[in-house]
Amino acid sequence: MPNETEATEATDISETTHSYEQARDELAQVVTKLEAGGITLEESLTLWERGEKLANICQDWLDGARRRLAAIEPKPAAGE
């Protein structure tokens, strides 16, 4: 099982308050821990689940940025 510090770190900031950069950085830390190994299966599963949530947060930010850019992109004139 994850130790108390890891469990607390994973839930300190609600998903809705993560900036893209925060989520990306935490995701990078999760990947590093998983790649390093030396943790239990339960810890690995907990980290994997957290990584999935963080990846979704990043994707949501990117999708939102694409929508915003598409909304301000100039539209071609009717004759073009």
PDB file of N, CA and C in Angstrom:
ATOM      1  N   MET A   1       0.844  -1.190   0.000  1.00  0.00           N
ATOM      2  CA  MET A   1       0.000   0.000   0.000  1.00  0.00           C
ATOM      3  C   MET A   1       0.879   1.239   0.000  1.00  0.00           C
ATOM      4  N   PRO A   2       0.389   2.339  -0.636  1.00  0.00           N
ATOM      5  CA  PRO A   2       1.182   3.550  -0.610  1.00  0.00           C
ATOM      6  C   PRO A   2       1.305   4.080   0.807  1.00  0.00           C
ATOM      7  N   ASN A   3       2.445   4.685   1.090  1.00  0.00           N
ATOM      8  CA  ASN A   3       2.574   5.258   2.421  1.00  0.00           C
ATOM      9  C   ASN A   3       1.712   6.504   2.517  1.00  0.00           C
ATOM     10  N   GLU A   4       1.537   7.006   3.727  1.00  0.00           N
ATOM     11  CA  GLU A   4       0.628   8.139   3.937  1.00  0.00           C
ATOM     12  C   GLU A   4       1.033   9.366   3.132  1.00  0.00           C
ATOM     13  N   THR A   5       2.327   9.613   3.019  1.00  0.00           N
ATOM     14  CA  THR A   5       2.793  10.781   2.284  1.00  0.00           C
ATOM     15  C   THR A   5       2.398  10.686   0.825  1.00  0.00           C
ATOM     16  N   GLU A   6       2.622   9.523   0.195  1.00  0.00           N
ATOM     17  CA  GLU A   6       2.253   9.366  -1.211  1.00  0.00           C
ATOM     18  C   GLU A   6       0.756   9.495  -1.404  1.00  0.00           C
ATOM     19  N   ALA A   7      -0.017   8.910  -0.534  1.00  0.00           N
ATOM     20  CA  ALA A   7      -1.475   8.983  -0.654  1.00  0.00           C
ATOM     21  C   ALA A   7      -1.948  10.421  -0.498  1.00  0.00           C
ATOM     22  N   THR A   8      -1.353  11.160   0.429  1.00  0.00           N
ATOM     23  CA  THR A   8      -1.736  12.547   0.641  1.00  0.00           C
ATOM     24  C   THR A   8      -1.332  13.397  -0.549  1.00  0.00           C
ATOM     25  N   GLU A   9      -0.113  13.191  -1.074  1.00  0.00           N
ATOM     26  CA  GLU A   9       0.349  13.957  -2.224  1.00  0.00           C
ATOM     27  C   GLU A   9      -0.587  13.764  -3.413  1.00  0.00           C
ATOM     28  N   ALA A  10      -1.094  12.575  -3.574  1.00  0.00           N
ATOM     29  CA  ALA A  10      -1.937  12.279  -4.723  1.00  0.00           C
ATOM     30  C   ALA A  10      -3.306  12.935  -4.621  1.00  0.00           C
ATOM     31  N   THR A  11      -3.713  13.343  -3.436  1.00  0.00           N
ATOM     32  CA  THR A  11      -5.054  13.901  -3.296  1.00  0.00           C
ATOM     33  C   THR A  11      -5.054  15.320  -2.751  1.00  0.00           C
ATOM     34  N   ASP A  12      -3.881  15.917  -2.521  1.00  0.00           N
ATOM     35  CA  ASP A  12      -3.817  17.262  -1.965  1.00  0.00           C
ATOM     36  C   ASP A  12      -4.517  18.289  -2.838  1.00  0.00           C
ATOM     37  N   ILE A  13      -4.286  18.233  -4.134  1.00  0.00           N
ATOM     38  CA  ILE A  13      -4.844  19.223  -5.045  1.00  0.00           C
ATOM     39  C   ILE A  13      -5.938  18.545  -5.846  1.00  0.00           C
ATOM     40  N   SER A  14      -7.125  19.112  -5.809  1.00  0.00           N
ATOM     41  CA  SER A  14      -8.226  18.527  -6.563  1.00  0.00           C
ATOM     42  C   SER A  14      -7.937  18.663  -8.051  1.00  0.00           C
ATOM     43  N   GLU A  15      -8.437  17.732  -8.823  1.00  0.00           N
ATOM     44  CA  GLU A  15      -8.183  17.726 -10.255  1.00  0.00           C
ATOM     45  C   GLU A  15      -8.604  19.028 -10.918  1.00  0.00           C
ATOM     46  N   THR A  16      -9.626  19.671 -10.401  1.00  0.00           N
ATOM     47  CA  THR A  16     -10.122  20.879 -11.039  1.00  0.00           C
ATOM     48  C   THR A  16      -9.210  22.076 -10.799  1.00  0.00           C
ATOM     49  N   THR A  17      -8.273  22.000  -9.868  1.00  0.00           N
ATOM     50  CA  THR A  17      -7.399  23.127  -9.611  1.00  0.00           C
ATOM     51  C   THR A  17      -6.014  22.947 -10.217  1.00  0.00           C
ATOM     52  N   HIS A  18      -5.767  21.815 -10.845  1.00  0.00           N
ATOM     53  CA  HIS A  18      -4.476  21.606 -11.495  1.00  0.00           C
ATOM     54  C   HIS A  18      -4.369  22.479 -12.736  1.00  0.00           C
ATOM     55  N   SER A  19      -3.261  23.187 -12.842  1.00  0.00           N
ATOM     56  CA  SER A  19      -2.976  23.825 -14.124  1.00  0.00           C
ATOM     57  C   SER A  19      -2.409  22.727 -15.025  1.00  0.00           C
ATOM     58  N   TYR A  20      -2.319  23.020 -16.295  1.00  0.00           N
ATOM     59  CA  TYR A  20      -1.725  22.048 -17.216  1.00  0.00           C
ATOM     60  C   TYR A  20      -0.319  21.699 -16.746  1.00  0.00           C
ATOM     61  N   GLU A  21       0.439  22.720 -16.392  1.00  0.00           N
ATOM     62  CA  GLU A  21       1.832  22.519 -15.998  1.00  0.00           C
ATOM     63  C   GLU A  21       1.947  21.678 -14.728  1.00  0.00           C
ATOM     64  N   GLN A  22       1.057  21.917 -13.760  1.00  0.00           N
ATOM     65  CA  GLN A  22       1.084  21.125 -12.529  1.00  0.00           C
ATOM     66  C   GLN A  22       0.786  19.660 -12.831  1.00  0.00           C
ATOM     67  N   ALA A  23      -0.237  19.432 -13.623  1.00  0.00           N
ATOM     68  CA  ALA A  23      -0.617  18.058 -13.963  1.00  0.00           C
ATOM     69  C   ALA A  23       0.495  17.377 -14.742  1.00  0.00           C
ATOM     70  N   ARG A  24       1.086  18.084 -15.705  1.00  0.00           N
ATOM     71  CA  ARG A  24       2.176  17.520 -16.514  1.00  0.00           C
ATOM     72  C   ARG A  24       3.379  17.171 -15.640  1.00  0.00           C
ATOM     73  N   ASP A  25       3.741  18.078 -14.738  1.00  0.00           N
ATOM     74  CA  ASP A  25       4.893  17.836 -13.877  1.00  0.00           C
ATOM     75  C   ASP A  25       4.655  16.664 -12.926  1.00  0.00           C
ATOM     76  N   GLU A  26       3.460  16.600 -12.354  1.00  0.00           N
ATOM     77  CA  GLU A  26       3.153  15.484 -11.457  1.00  0.00           C
ATOM     78  C   GLU A  26       3.120  14.176 -12.238  1.00  0.00           C
ATOM     79  N   LEU A  27       2.587  14.215 -13.451  1.00  0.00           N
ATOM     80  CA  LEU A  27       2.563  13.020 -14.294  1.00  0.00           C
ATOM     81  C   LEU A  27       3.985  12.540 -14.579  1.00  0.00           C
ATOM     82  N   ALA A  28       4.888  13.460 -14.851  1.00  0.00           N
ATOM     83  CA  ALA A  28       6.284  13.100 -15.086  1.00  0.00           C
ATOM     84  C   ALA A  28       6.887  12.427 -13.846  1.00  0.00           C
ATOM     85  N   GLN A  29       6.534  12.912 -12.664  1.00  0.00           N
ATOM     86  CA  GLN A  29       7.027  12.300 -11.423  1.00  0.00           C
ATOM     87  C   GLN A  29       6.476  10.894 -11.247  1.00  0.00           C
ATOM     88  N   VAL A  30       5.198  10.723 -11.584  1.00  0.00           N
ATOM     89  CA  VAL A  30       4.575   9.403 -11.488  1.00  0.00           C
ATOM     90  C   VAL A  30       5.285   8.423 -12.409  1.00  0.00           C
ATOM     91  N   VAL A  31       5.542   8.848 -13.639  1.00  0.00           N
ATOM     92  CA  VAL A  31       6.219   7.982 -14.608  1.00  0.00           C
ATOM     93  C   VAL A  31       7.611   7.615 -14.112  1.00  0.00           C
ATOM     94  N   THR A  32       8.328   8.595 -13.576  1.00  0.00           N
ATOM     95  CA  THR A  32       9.675   8.338 -13.053  1.00  0.00           C
ATOM     96  C   THR A  32       9.641   7.294 -11.947  1.00  0.00           C
ATOM     97  N   LYS A  33       8.680   7.416 -11.023  1.00  0.00           N
ATOM     98  CA  LYS A  33       8.557   6.449  -9.922  1.00  0.00           C
ATOM     99  C   LYS A  33       8.234   5.053 -10.447  1.00  0.00           C
ATOM    100  N   LEU A  34       7.331   4.989 -11.428  1.00  0.00           N
ATOM    101  CA  LEU A  34       6.967   3.687 -11.989  1.00  0.00           C
ATOM    102  C   LEU A  34       8.149   3.064 -12.719  1.00  0.00           C
ATOM    103  N   GLU A  35       8.885   3.854 -13.467  1.00  0.00           N
ATOM    104  CA  GLU A  35      10.040   3.338 -14.205  1.00  0.00           C
ATOM    105  C   GLU A  35      11.172   2.904 -13.286  1.00  0.00           C
ATOM    106  N   ALA A  36      11.295   3.579 -12.138  1.00  0.00           N
ATOM    107  CA  ALA A  36      12.370   3.254 -11.198  1.00  0.00           C
ATOM    108  C   ALA A  36      12.151   1.889 -10.555  1.00  0.00           C
ATOM    109  N   GLY A  37      10.885   1.495 -10.427  1.00  0.00           N
ATOM    110  CA  GLY A  37      10.582   0.205  -9.809  1.00  0.00           C
ATOM    111  C   GLY A  37      10.862   0.223  -8.319  1.00  0.00           C
ATOM    112  N   GLY A  38      10.959  -0.956  -7.748  1.00  0.00           N
ATOM    113  CA  GLY A  38      11.244  -1.072  -6.322  1.00  0.00           C
ATOM    114  C   GLY A  38      10.055  -0.764  -5.435  1.00  0.00           C
ATOM    115  N   ILE A  39       8.861  -0.740  -5.999  1.00  0.00           N
ATOM    116  CA  ILE A  39       7.663  -0.496  -5.205  1.00  0.00           C
ATOM    117  C   ILE A  39       6.733  -1.690  -5.344  1.00  0.00           C
ATOM    118  N   THR A  40       5.793  -1.764  -4.444  1.00  0.00           N
ATOM    119  CA  THR A  40       4.884  -2.908  -4.446  1.00  0.00           C
ATOM    120  C   THR A  40       3.895  -2.799  -5.606  1.00  0.00           C
ATOM    121  N   LEU A  41       3.239  -3.910  -5.868  1.00  0.00           N
ATOM    122  CA  LEU A  41       2.210  -3.920  -6.905  1.00  0.00           C
ATOM    123  C   LEU A  41       1.112  -2.915  -6.568  1.00  0.00           C
ATOM    124  N   GLU A  42       0.697  -2.884  -5.310  1.00  0.00           N
ATOM    125  CA  GLU A  42      -0.365  -1.957  -4.889  1.00  0.00           C
ATOM    126  C   GLU A  42       0.067  -0.505  -5.118  1.00  0.00           C
ATOM    127  N   GLU A  43       1.310  -0.174  -4.769  1.00  0.00           N
ATOM    128  CA  GLU A  43       1.818   1.179  -4.999  1.00  0.00           C
ATOM    129  C   GLU A  43       1.852   1.486  -6.501  1.00  0.00           C
ATOM    130  N   SER A  44       2.262   0.505  -7.286  1.00  0.00           N
ATOM    131  CA  SER A  44       2.302   0.689  -8.736  1.00  0.00           C
ATOM    132  C   SER A  44       0.917   0.959  -9.295  1.00  0.00           C
ATOM    133  N   LEU A  45      -0.067   0.200  -8.835  1.00  0.00           N
ATOM    134  CA  LEU A  45      -1.434   0.397  -9.308  1.00  0.00           C
ATOM    135  C   LEU A  45      -1.967   1.765  -8.917  1.00  0.00           C
ATOM    136  N   THR A  46      -1.680   2.192  -7.698  1.00  0.00           N
ATOM    137  CA  THR A  46      -2.116   3.509  -7.235  1.00  0.00           C
ATOM    138  C   THR A  46      -1.479   4.610  -8.080  1.00  0.00           C
ATOM    139  N   LEU A  47      -0.184   4.468  -8.343  1.00  0.00           N
ATOM    140  CA  LEU A  47       0.495   5.455  -9.176  1.00  0.00           C
ATOM    141  C   LEU A  47      -0.054   5.442 -10.597  1.00  0.00           C
ATOM    142  N   TRP A  48      -0.304   4.250 -11.136  1.00  0.00           N
ATOM    143  CA  TRP A  48      -0.854   4.147 -12.493  1.00  0.00           C
ATOM    144  C   TRP A  48      -2.204   4.870 -12.583  1.00  0.00           C
ATOM    145  N   GLU A  49      -3.064   4.626 -11.593  1.00  0.00           N
ATOM    146  CA  GLU A  49      -4.379   5.276 -11.581  1.00  0.00           C
ATOM    147  C   GLU A  49      -4.234   6.792 -11.503  1.00  0.00           C
ATOM    148  N   ARG A  50      -3.310   7.253 -10.676  1.00  0.00           N
ATOM    149  CA  ARG A  50      -3.072   8.690 -10.563  1.00  0.00           C
ATOM    150  C   ARG A  50      -2.565   9.233 -11.890  1.00  0.00           C
ATOM    151  N   GLY A  51      -1.682   8.496 -12.529  1.00  0.00           N
ATOM    152  CA  GLY A  51      -1.163   8.905 -13.829  1.00  0.00           C
ATOM    153  C   GLY A  51      -2.261   9.024 -14.871  1.00  0.00           C
ATOM    154  N   GLU A  52      -3.193   8.088 -14.851  1.00  0.00           N
ATOM    155  CA  GLU A  52      -4.324   8.142 -15.782  1.00  0.00           C
ATOM    156  C   GLU A  52      -5.149   9.412 -15.557  1.00  0.00           C
ATOM    157  N   LYS A  53      -5.418   9.746 -14.303  1.00  0.00           N
ATOM    158  CA  LYS A  53      -6.177  10.962 -13.994  1.00  0.00           C
ATOM    159  C   LYS A  53      -5.425  12.203 -14.466  1.00  0.00           C
ATOM    160  N   LEU A  54      -4.125  12.231 -14.205  1.00  0.00           N
ATOM    161  CA  LEU A  54      -3.318  13.380 -14.608  1.00  0.00           C
ATOM    162  C   LEU A  54      -3.246  13.499 -16.126  1.00  0.00           C
ATOM    163  N   ALA A  55      -3.126  12.375 -16.821  1.00  0.00           N
ATOM    164  CA  ALA A  55      -3.106  12.401 -18.285  1.00  0.00           C
ATOM    165  C   ALA A  55      -4.424  12.951 -18.819  1.00  0.00           C
ATOM    166  N   ASN A  56      -5.533  12.579 -18.191  1.00  0.00           N
ATOM    167  CA  ASN A  56      -6.837  13.101 -18.602  1.00  0.00           C
ATOM    168  C   ASN A  56      -6.942  14.606 -18.366  1.00  0.00           C
ATOM    169  N   ILE A  57      -6.398  15.067 -17.248  1.00  0.00           N
ATOM    170  CA  ILE A  57      -6.399  16.504 -16.961  1.00  0.00           C
ATOM    171  C   ILE A  57      -5.611  17.240 -18.044  1.00  0.00           C
ATOM    172  N   CYS A  58      -4.442  16.714 -18.388  1.00  0.00           N
ATOM    173  CA  CYS A  58      -3.628  17.336 -19.437  1.00  0.00           C
ATOM    174  C   CYS A  58      -4.383  17.351 -20.762  1.00  0.00           C
ATOM    175  N   GLN A  59      -5.012  16.239 -21.100  1.00  0.00           N
ATOM    176  CA  GLN A  59      -5.758  16.165 -22.357  1.00  0.00           C
ATOM    177  C   GLN A  59      -6.913  17.161 -22.370  1.00  0.00           C
ATOM    178  N   ASP A  60      -7.600  17.305 -21.242  1.00  0.00           N
ATOM    179  CA  ASP A  60      -8.690  18.280 -21.154  1.00  0.00           C
ATOM    180  C   ASP A  60      -8.181  19.701 -21.409  1.00  0.00           C
ATOM    181  N   TRP A  61      -7.021  20.030 -20.817  1.00  0.00           N
ATOM    182  CA  TRP A  61      -6.441  21.349 -21.041  1.00  0.00           C
ATOM    183  C   TRP A  61      -6.104  21.544 -22.505  1.00  0.00           C
ATOM    184  N   LEU A  62      -5.486  20.546 -23.126  1.00  0.00           N
ATOM    185  CA  LEU A  62      -5.102  20.655 -24.528  1.00  0.00           C
ATOM    186  C   LEU A  62      -6.326  20.768 -25.437  1.00  0.00           C
ATOM    187  N   ASP A  63      -7.351  19.981 -25.150  1.00  0.00           N
ATOM    188  CA  ASP A  63      -8.584  20.058 -25.930  1.00  0.00           C
ATOM    189  C   ASP A  63      -9.215  21.443 -25.808  1.00  0.00           C
ATOM    190  N   GLY A  64      -9.213  21.992 -24.601  1.00  0.00           N
ATOM    191  CA  GLY A  64      -9.756  23.333 -24.382  1.00  0.00           C
ATOM    192  C   GLY A  64      -8.961  24.389 -25.136  1.00  0.00           C
ATOM    193  N   ALA A  65      -7.650  24.244 -25.146  1.00  0.00           N
ATOM    194  CA  ALA A  65      -6.806  25.198 -25.877  1.00  0.00           C
ATOM    195  C   ALA A  65      -7.094  25.119 -27.372  1.00  0.00           C
ATOM    196  N   ARG A  66      -7.266  23.902 -27.889  1.00  0.00           N
ATOM    197  CA  ARG A  66      -7.591  23.742 -29.319  1.00  0.00           C
ATOM    198  C   ARG A  66      -8.931  24.401 -29.653  1.00  0.00           C
ATOM    199  N   ARG A  67      -9.915  24.212 -28.775  1.00  0.00           N
ATOM    200  CA  ARG A  67     -11.228  24.834 -29.006  1.00  0.00           C
ATOM    201  C   ARG A  67     -11.116  26.356 -29.003  1.00  0.00           C
ATOM    202  N   ARG A  68     -10.356  26.889 -28.065  1.00  0.00           N
ATOM    203  CA  ARG A  68     -10.194  28.340 -27.995  1.00  0.00           C
ATOM    204  C   ARG A  68      -9.495  28.878 -29.237  1.00  0.00           C
ATOM    205  N   LEU A  69      -8.472  28.176 -29.703  1.00  0.00           N
ATOM    206  CA  LEU A  69      -7.781  28.613 -30.914  1.00  0.00           C
ATOM    207  C   LEU A  69      -8.691  28.531 -32.135  1.00  0.00           C
ATOM    208  N   ALA A  70      -9.466  27.467 -32.210  1.00  0.00           N
ATOM    209  CA  ALA A  70     -10.392  27.307 -33.338  1.00  0.00           C
ATOM    210  C   ALA A  70     -11.437  28.407 -33.326  1.00  0.00           C
ATOM    211  N   ALA A  71     -11.842  28.849 -32.156  1.00  0.00           N
ATOM    212  CA  ALA A  71     -12.873  29.889 -32.050  1.00  0.00           C
ATOM    213  C   ALA A  71     -12.367  31.250 -32.519  1.00  0.00           C
ATOM    214  N   ILE A  72     -11.068  31.496 -32.401  1.00  0.00           N
ATOM    215  CA  ILE A  72     -10.536  32.808 -32.799  1.00  0.00           C
ATOM    216  C   ILE A  72      -9.841  32.765 -34.152  1.00  0.00           C
ATOM    217  N   GLU A  73      -9.729  31.586 -34.725  1.00  0.00           N
ATOM    218  CA  GLU A  73      -9.082  31.444 -36.029  1.00  0.00           C
ATOM    219  C   GLU A  73      -9.919  32.173 -37.082  1.00  0.00           C
ATOM    220  N   PRO A  74      -9.261  32.951 -37.924  1.00  0.00           N
ATOM    221  CA  PRO A  74     -10.028  33.659 -38.951  1.00  0.00           C
ATOM    222  C   PRO A  74     -10.689  32.679 -39.912  1.00  0.00           C
ATOM    223  N   LYS A  75     -11.915  32.969 -40.250  1.00  0.00           N
ATOM    224  CA  LYS A  75     -12.674  32.121 -41.170  1.00  0.00           C
ATOM    225  C   LYS A  75     -12.381  32.585 -42.603  1.00  0.00           C
ATOM    226  N   PRO A  76     -12.231  31.648 -43.541  1.00  0.00           N
ATOM    227  CA  PRO A  76     -12.003  32.046 -44.933  1.00  0.00           C
ATOM    228  C   PRO A  76     -13.235  32.772 -45.481  1.00  0.00           C
ATOM    229  N   ALA A  77     -12.997  33.720 -46.339  1.00  0.00           N
ATOM    230  CA  ALA A  77     -14.093  34.463 -46.977  1.00  0.00           C
ATOM    231  C   ALA A  77     -14.881  33.505 -47.876  1.00  0.00           C
ATOM    232  N   ALA A  78     -16.129  33.822 -48.138  1.00  0.00           N
ATOM    233  CA  ALA A  78     -17.015  32.947 -48.900  1.00  0.00           C
ATOM    234  C   ALA A  78     -16.458  32.624 -50.280  1.00  0.00           C
ATOM    235  N   GLY A  79     -15.761  33.548 -50.926  1.00  0.00           N
ATOM    236  CA  GLY A  79     -15.251  33.313 -52.265  1.00  0.00           C
ATOM    237  C   GLY A  79     -13.881  32.642 -52.322  1.00  0.00           C
ATOM    238  N   GLU A  80     -13.293  32.353 -51.196  1.00  0.00           N
ATOM    239  CA  GLU A  80     -11.930  31.799 -51.190  1.00  0.00           C
ATOM    240  C   GLU A  80     -11.931  30.307 -51.231  1.00  0.00           C
TER     241      GLU A  80
END
